Amino acid sequence: MFLVVYFVVLIACPLIHTFVDRQPNRRTRFRVIEIWLLWFVGASGLLSVLTGLGHIGPNAPEIADGIGFAHSAFQWEVGWADIAIGTIGFLSIWRRDSFMTAAVIALAILYWGDAIGHIMQLAAHDNRAPNNVQPIYTDILQPLIAVLLLIAYRRHGGGRNTAPQDQKPL
């Protein structure tokens, strides 16, 4: 269920935001890229904080079971890593300069590393627990989309002290 909510937030919310946006440069290529990037990094940051709290909270043993792992001190560390990376992502909503780049790099390293770990658990230990297998797709796609959006955002002048280059309507 969490993954469904996750993708609804990452797809429906920026789509709605794009159509209700009241900025003067709304619906330009630059502004649409900016909105989607903010949602993919900022909202996923907030979701990472919630995931991290799950790993360190009172339901941590159940979460470990759902992944196919035994509850251990490593879960505590993963939870705090999720919270740290998520906080950086969430704060990038207000800091779109190099802070946004750092947030995307951190999210990509964390999630792609998670994806590799889930795939290794599946291949080496036949770990087919739902929370081991299902996150593979989001752990790969979400940072990939964020990286591509960041590249497009930077190419159009986003995050610099100068005005964005592309202000043509879509």
C-alpha atoms as a PDB file:
ATOM      1  CA  MET A   1       0.000   0.000   0.000  1.00  0.00           C
ATOM      2  CA  PHE A   2       2.860   2.401   0.836  1.00  0.00           C
ATOM      3  CA  LEU A   3       4.292   2.066  -2.682  1.00  0.00           C
ATOM      4  CA  VAL A   4       0.918   2.900  -4.231  1.00  0.00           C
ATOM      5  CA  VAL A   5       0.617   6.043  -2.108  1.00  0.00           C
ATOM      6  CA  TYR A   6       4.246   6.835  -2.907  1.00  0.00           C
ATOM      7  CA  PHE A   7       3.662   6.834  -6.653  1.00  0.00           C
ATOM      8  CA  VAL A   8       0.337   8.657  -6.391  1.00  0.00           C
ATOM      9  CA  VAL A   9       2.198  11.439  -4.584  1.00  0.00           C
ATOM     10  CA  LEU A  10       5.053  11.424  -7.118  1.00  0.00           C
ATOM     11  CA  ILE A  11       2.788  11.416 -10.192  1.00  0.00           C
ATOM     12  CA  ALA A  12      -0.604  12.909  -9.306  1.00  0.00           C
ATOM     13  CA  CYS A  13       0.644  15.752  -7.111  1.00  0.00           C
ATOM     14  CA  PRO A  14       3.086  17.324  -9.607  1.00  0.00           C
ATOM     15  CA  LEU A  15       0.514  16.846 -12.377  1.00  0.00           C
ATOM     16  CA  ILE A  16      -2.098  18.731 -10.341  1.00  0.00           C
ATOM     17  CA  HIS A  17       0.498  21.318  -9.287  1.00  0.00           C
ATOM     18  CA  THR A  18       1.386  21.927 -12.949  1.00  0.00           C
ATOM     19  CA  PHE A  19      -2.228  22.738 -13.823  1.00  0.00           C
ATOM     20  CA  VAL A  20      -3.030  24.917 -10.789  1.00  0.00           C
ATOM     21  CA  ASP A  21       0.313  26.767 -10.834  1.00  0.00           C
ATOM     22  CA  ARG A  22      -0.126  30.550 -10.779  1.00  0.00           C
ATOM     23  CA  GLN A  23       3.503  31.574 -11.361  1.00  0.00           C
ATOM     24  CA  PRO A  24       3.980  34.089 -14.209  1.00  0.00           C
ATOM     25  CA  ASN A  25       6.108  31.542 -16.093  1.00  0.00           C
ATOM     26  CA  ARG A  26       3.637  28.697 -15.560  1.00  0.00           C
ATOM     27  CA  ARG A  27       3.502  25.928 -18.095  1.00  0.00           C
ATOM     28  CA  THR A  28       6.820  26.810 -19.645  1.00  0.00           C
ATOM     29  CA  ARG A  29       9.161  23.891 -20.154  1.00  0.00           C
ATOM     30  CA  PHE A  30      11.394  25.232 -17.378  1.00  0.00           C
ATOM     31  CA  ARG A  31       8.573  25.632 -14.844  1.00  0.00           C
ATOM     32  CA  VAL A  32       7.096  22.193 -15.532  1.00  0.00           C
ATOM     33  CA  ILE A  33      10.524  20.573 -15.103  1.00  0.00           C
ATOM     34  CA  GLU A  34      11.027  22.560 -11.895  1.00  0.00           C
ATOM     35  CA  ILE A  35       7.677  21.451 -10.436  1.00  0.00           C
ATOM     36  CA  TRP A  36       8.294  17.782 -11.216  1.00  0.00           C
ATOM     37  CA  LEU A  37      11.838  17.960  -9.847  1.00  0.00           C
ATOM     38  CA  LEU A  38      10.606  19.567  -6.634  1.00  0.00           C
ATOM     39  CA  TRP A  39       8.035  16.828  -6.139  1.00  0.00           C
ATOM     40  CA  PHE A  40      10.420  13.995  -7.000  1.00  0.00           C
ATOM     41  CA  VAL A  41      13.109  15.275  -4.646  1.00  0.00           C
ATOM     42  CA  GLY A  42      11.149  17.181  -1.994  1.00  0.00           C
ATOM     43  CA  ALA A  43       8.151  14.888  -1.598  1.00  0.00           C
ATOM     44  CA  SER A  44      10.250  11.746  -1.863  1.00  0.00           C
ATOM     45  CA  GLY A  45      12.455  13.295   0.817  1.00  0.00           C
ATOM     46  CA  LEU A  46       9.469  13.602   3.112  1.00  0.00           C
ATOM     47  CA  LEU A  47       8.466  10.021   2.307  1.00  0.00           C
ATOM     48  CA  SER A  48      12.034   8.887   3.088  1.00  0.00           C
ATOM     49  CA  VAL A  49      11.781  10.547   6.492  1.00  0.00           C
ATOM     50  CA  LEU A  50       8.553   8.621   7.134  1.00  0.00           C
ATOM     51  CA  THR A  51      10.200   5.384   5.999  1.00  0.00           C
ATOM     52  CA  GLY A  52      13.158   6.057   8.274  1.00  0.00           C
ATOM     53  CA  LEU A  53      10.845   6.689  11.217  1.00  0.00           C
ATOM     54  CA  GLY A  54       9.257   3.324  10.483  1.00  0.00           C
ATOM     55  CA  HIS A  55      12.641   1.634  10.720  1.00  0.00           C
ATOM     56  CA  ILE A  56      13.393   3.163  14.115  1.00  0.00           C
ATOM     57  CA  GLY A  57       9.863   3.309  15.524  1.00  0.00           C
ATOM     58  CA  PRO A  58       7.770   0.876  17.544  1.00  0.00           C
ATOM     59  CA  ASN A  59       6.798  -1.146  14.452  1.00  0.00           C
ATOM     60  CA  ALA A  60      10.416  -1.699  13.377  1.00  0.00           C
ATOM     61  CA  PRO A  61      10.325  -5.481  14.002  1.00  0.00           C
ATOM     62  CA  GLU A  62       7.257  -5.860  11.758  1.00  0.00           C
ATOM     63  CA  ILE A  63       8.899  -3.751   9.059  1.00  0.00           C
ATOM     64  CA  ALA A  64      12.020  -5.949   9.213  1.00  0.00           C
ATOM     65  CA  ASP A  65       9.831  -9.065   8.908  1.00  0.00           C
ATOM     66  CA  GLY A  66       8.106  -7.549   5.848  1.00  0.00           C
ATOM     67  CA  ILE A  67      11.492  -7.105   4.185  1.00  0.00           C
ATOM     68  CA  GLY A  68      12.566 -10.615   5.104  1.00  0.00           C
ATOM     69  CA  PHE A  69      15.196  -9.549   7.630  1.00  0.00           C
ATOM     70  CA  ALA A  70      15.620 -10.043  11.339  1.00  0.00           C
ATOM     71  CA  HIS A  71      15.232  -6.897  13.405  1.00  0.00           C
ATOM     72  CA  SER A  72      18.720  -5.628  14.327  1.00  0.00           C
ATOM     73  CA  ALA A  73      20.797  -2.561  15.116  1.00  0.00           C
ATOM     74  CA  PHE A  74      21.464  -2.161  11.395  1.00  0.00           C
ATOM     75  CA  GLN A  75      17.816  -1.300  10.891  1.00  0.00           C
ATOM     76  CA  TRP A  76      18.283   1.590  13.320  1.00  0.00           C
ATOM     77  CA  GLU A  77      21.189   2.854  11.206  1.00  0.00           C
ATOM     78  CA  VAL A  78      19.261   2.484   7.937  1.00  0.00           C
ATOM     79  CA  GLY A  79      16.362   4.383   9.498  1.00  0.00           C
ATOM     80  CA  TRP A  80      18.576   7.324  10.408  1.00  0.00           C
ATOM     81  CA  ALA A  81      20.191   7.277   6.945  1.00  0.00           C
ATOM     82  CA  ASP A  82      16.713   7.452   5.384  1.00  0.00           C
ATOM     83  CA  ILE A  83      15.831  10.351   7.689  1.00  0.00           C
ATOM     84  CA  ALA A  84      19.050  12.229   6.855  1.00  0.00           C
ATOM     85  CA  ILE A  85      18.740  11.788   3.088  1.00  0.00           C
ATOM     86  CA  GLY A  86      15.022  12.548   3.237  1.00  0.00           C
ATOM     87  CA  THR A  87      15.618  15.751   5.167  1.00  0.00           C
ATOM     88  CA  ILE A  88      18.135  16.917   2.562  1.00  0.00           C
ATOM     89  CA  GLY A  89      15.623  16.146  -0.189  1.00  0.00           C
ATOM     90  CA  PHE A  90      12.802  17.957   1.592  1.00  0.00           C
ATOM     91  CA  LEU A  91      14.949  21.027   2.323  1.00  0.00           C
ATOM     92  CA  SER A  92      15.918  21.260  -1.338  1.00  0.00           C
ATOM     93  CA  ILE A  93      12.425  22.648  -1.993  1.00  0.00           C
ATOM     94  CA  TRP A  94      13.782  25.950  -0.674  1.00  0.00           C
ATOM     95  CA  ARG A  95      17.409  25.538  -1.822  1.00  0.00           C
ATOM     96  CA  ARG A  96      17.476  24.857  -5.537  1.00  0.00           C
ATOM     97  CA  ASP A  97      21.118  25.732  -6.092  1.00  0.00           C
ATOM     98  CA  SER A  98      23.859  23.145  -5.488  1.00  0.00           C
ATOM     99  CA  PHE A  99      21.846  21.889  -2.494  1.00  0.00           C
ATOM    100  CA  MET A 100      19.350  20.357  -4.967  1.00  0.00           C
ATOM    101  CA  THR A 101      22.208  18.621  -6.779  1.00  0.00           C
ATOM    102  CA  ALA A 102      23.493  17.208  -3.490  1.00  0.00           C
ATOM    103  CA  ALA A 103      19.992  15.991  -2.621  1.00  0.00           C
ATOM    104  CA  VAL A 104      19.609  14.169  -5.948  1.00  0.00           C
ATOM    105  CA  ILE A 105      23.063  12.593  -5.648  1.00  0.00           C
ATOM    106  CA  ALA A 106      22.320  11.420  -2.093  1.00  0.00           C
ATOM    107  CA  LEU A 107      18.906  10.023  -3.073  1.00  0.00           C
ATOM    108  CA  ALA A 108      20.403   8.209  -6.068  1.00  0.00           C
ATOM    109  CA  ILE A 109      23.190   6.617  -4.036  1.00  0.00           C
ATOM    110  CA  LEU A 110      20.840   5.559  -1.247  1.00  0.00           C
ATOM    111  CA  TYR A 111      18.038   4.184  -3.434  1.00  0.00           C
ATOM    112  CA  TRP A 112      20.238   2.542  -6.064  1.00  0.00           C
ATOM    113  CA  GLY A 113      22.248   0.967  -3.259  1.00  0.00           C
ATOM    114  CA  ASP A 114      18.977  -0.250  -1.715  1.00  0.00           C
ATOM    115  CA  ALA A 115      17.924  -1.686  -5.086  1.00  0.00           C
ATOM    116  CA  ILE A 116      21.199  -3.592  -5.417  1.00  0.00           C
ATOM    117  CA  GLY A 117      20.754  -4.938  -1.887  1.00  0.00           C
ATOM    118  CA  HIS A 118      17.182  -6.069  -2.599  1.00  0.00           C
ATOM    119  CA  ILE A 119      18.275  -7.754  -5.851  1.00  0.00           C
ATOM    120  CA  MET A 120      21.189  -9.478  -4.075  1.00  0.00           C
ATOM    121  CA  GLN A 121      18.827 -10.747  -1.358  1.00  0.00           C
ATOM    122  CA  LEU A 122      16.460 -12.052  -4.019  1.00  0.00           C
ATOM    123  CA  ALA A 123      19.216 -13.733  -6.040  1.00  0.00           C
ATOM    124  CA  ALA A 124      21.406 -15.082  -3.221  1.00  0.00           C
ATOM    125  CA  HIS A 125      18.764 -15.972  -0.627  1.00  0.00           C
ATOM    126  CA  ASP A 126      15.552 -16.217  -2.675  1.00  0.00           C
ATOM    127  CA  ASN A 127      14.135 -13.470  -0.435  1.00  0.00           C
ATOM    128  CA  ARG A 128      10.708 -12.926  -1.988  1.00  0.00           C
ATOM    129  CA  ALA A 129       9.265 -11.014   0.962  1.00  0.00           C
ATOM    130  CA  PRO A 130       6.920  -8.352  -0.446  1.00  0.00           C
ATOM    131  CA  ASN A 131       8.898  -5.455   1.005  1.00  0.00           C
ATOM    132  CA  ASN A 132      12.124  -6.842  -0.409  1.00  0.00           C
ATOM    133  CA  VAL A 133      10.867  -7.332  -3.975  1.00  0.00           C
ATOM    134  CA  GLN A 134       8.319  -4.528  -4.471  1.00  0.00           C
ATOM    135  CA  PRO A 135      10.644  -1.571  -3.685  1.00  0.00           C
ATOM    136  CA  ILE A 136      13.121  -2.611  -6.402  1.00  0.00           C
ATOM    137  CA  TYR A 137      11.178  -0.704  -9.048  1.00  0.00           C
ATOM    138  CA  THR A 138      10.825   2.506  -7.027  1.00  0.00           C
ATOM    139  CA  ASP A 139      14.418   2.291  -5.803  1.00  0.00           C
ATOM    140  CA  ILE A 140      15.570   2.315  -9.437  1.00  0.00           C
ATOM    141  CA  LEU A 141      13.017   4.562 -11.157  1.00  0.00           C
ATOM    142  CA  GLN A 142      12.563   7.365  -8.623  1.00  0.00           C
ATOM    143  CA  PRO A 143      16.219   8.469  -8.506  1.00  0.00           C
ATOM    144  CA  LEU A 144      16.619   7.898 -12.252  1.00  0.00           C
ATOM    145  CA  ILE A 145      13.736  10.285 -12.934  1.00  0.00           C
ATOM    146  CA  ALA A 146      15.117  12.763 -10.376  1.00  0.00           C
ATOM    147  CA  VAL A 147      18.555  12.690 -12.059  1.00  0.00           C
ATOM    148  CA  LEU A 148      17.018  13.248 -15.511  1.00  0.00           C
ATOM    149  CA  LEU A 149      14.824  16.081 -14.207  1.00  0.00           C
ATOM    150  CA  LEU A 150      17.831  17.694 -12.508  1.00  0.00           C
ATOM    151  CA  ILE A 151      19.850  17.536 -15.739  1.00  0.00           C
ATOM    152  CA  ALA A 152      16.978  19.129 -17.678  1.00  0.00           C
ATOM    153  CA  TYR A 153      16.489  21.733 -14.937  1.00  0.00           C
ATOM    154  CA  ARG A 154      20.171  22.721 -15.003  1.00  0.00           C
ATOM    155  CA  ARG A 155      20.247  22.838 -18.829  1.00  0.00           C
ATOM    156  CA  HIS A 156      17.419  25.366 -18.754  1.00  0.00           C
ATOM    157  CA  GLY A 157      19.256  27.539 -16.223  1.00  0.00           C
ATOM    158  CA  GLY A 158      17.584  26.356 -13.043  1.00  0.00           C
ATOM    159  CA  GLY A 159      19.315  26.916  -9.740  1.00  0.00           C
ATOM    160  CA  ARG A 160      21.638  29.614 -10.997  1.00  0.00           C
ATOM    161  CA  ASN A 161      21.549  33.279 -10.105  1.00  0.00           C
ATOM    162  CA  THR A 162      20.574  34.092 -13.694  1.00  0.00           C
ATOM    163  CA  ALA A 163      17.092  33.898 -15.171  1.00  0.00           C
ATOM    164  CA  PRO A 164      16.109  30.573 -16.721  1.00  0.00           C
ATOM    165  CA  GLN A 165      16.905  30.368 -20.434  1.00  0.00           C
ATOM    166  CA  ASP A 166      13.757  28.620 -21.616  1.00  0.00           C
ATOM    167  CA  GLN A 167      10.594  30.606 -20.971  1.00  0.00           C
ATOM    168  CA  LYS A 168       8.648  29.443 -24.031  1.00  0.00           C
ATOM    169  CA  PRO A 169       5.237  27.881 -23.305  1.00  0.00           C
ATOM    170  CA  LEU A 170       4.971  24.144 -23.815  1.00  0.00           C
END
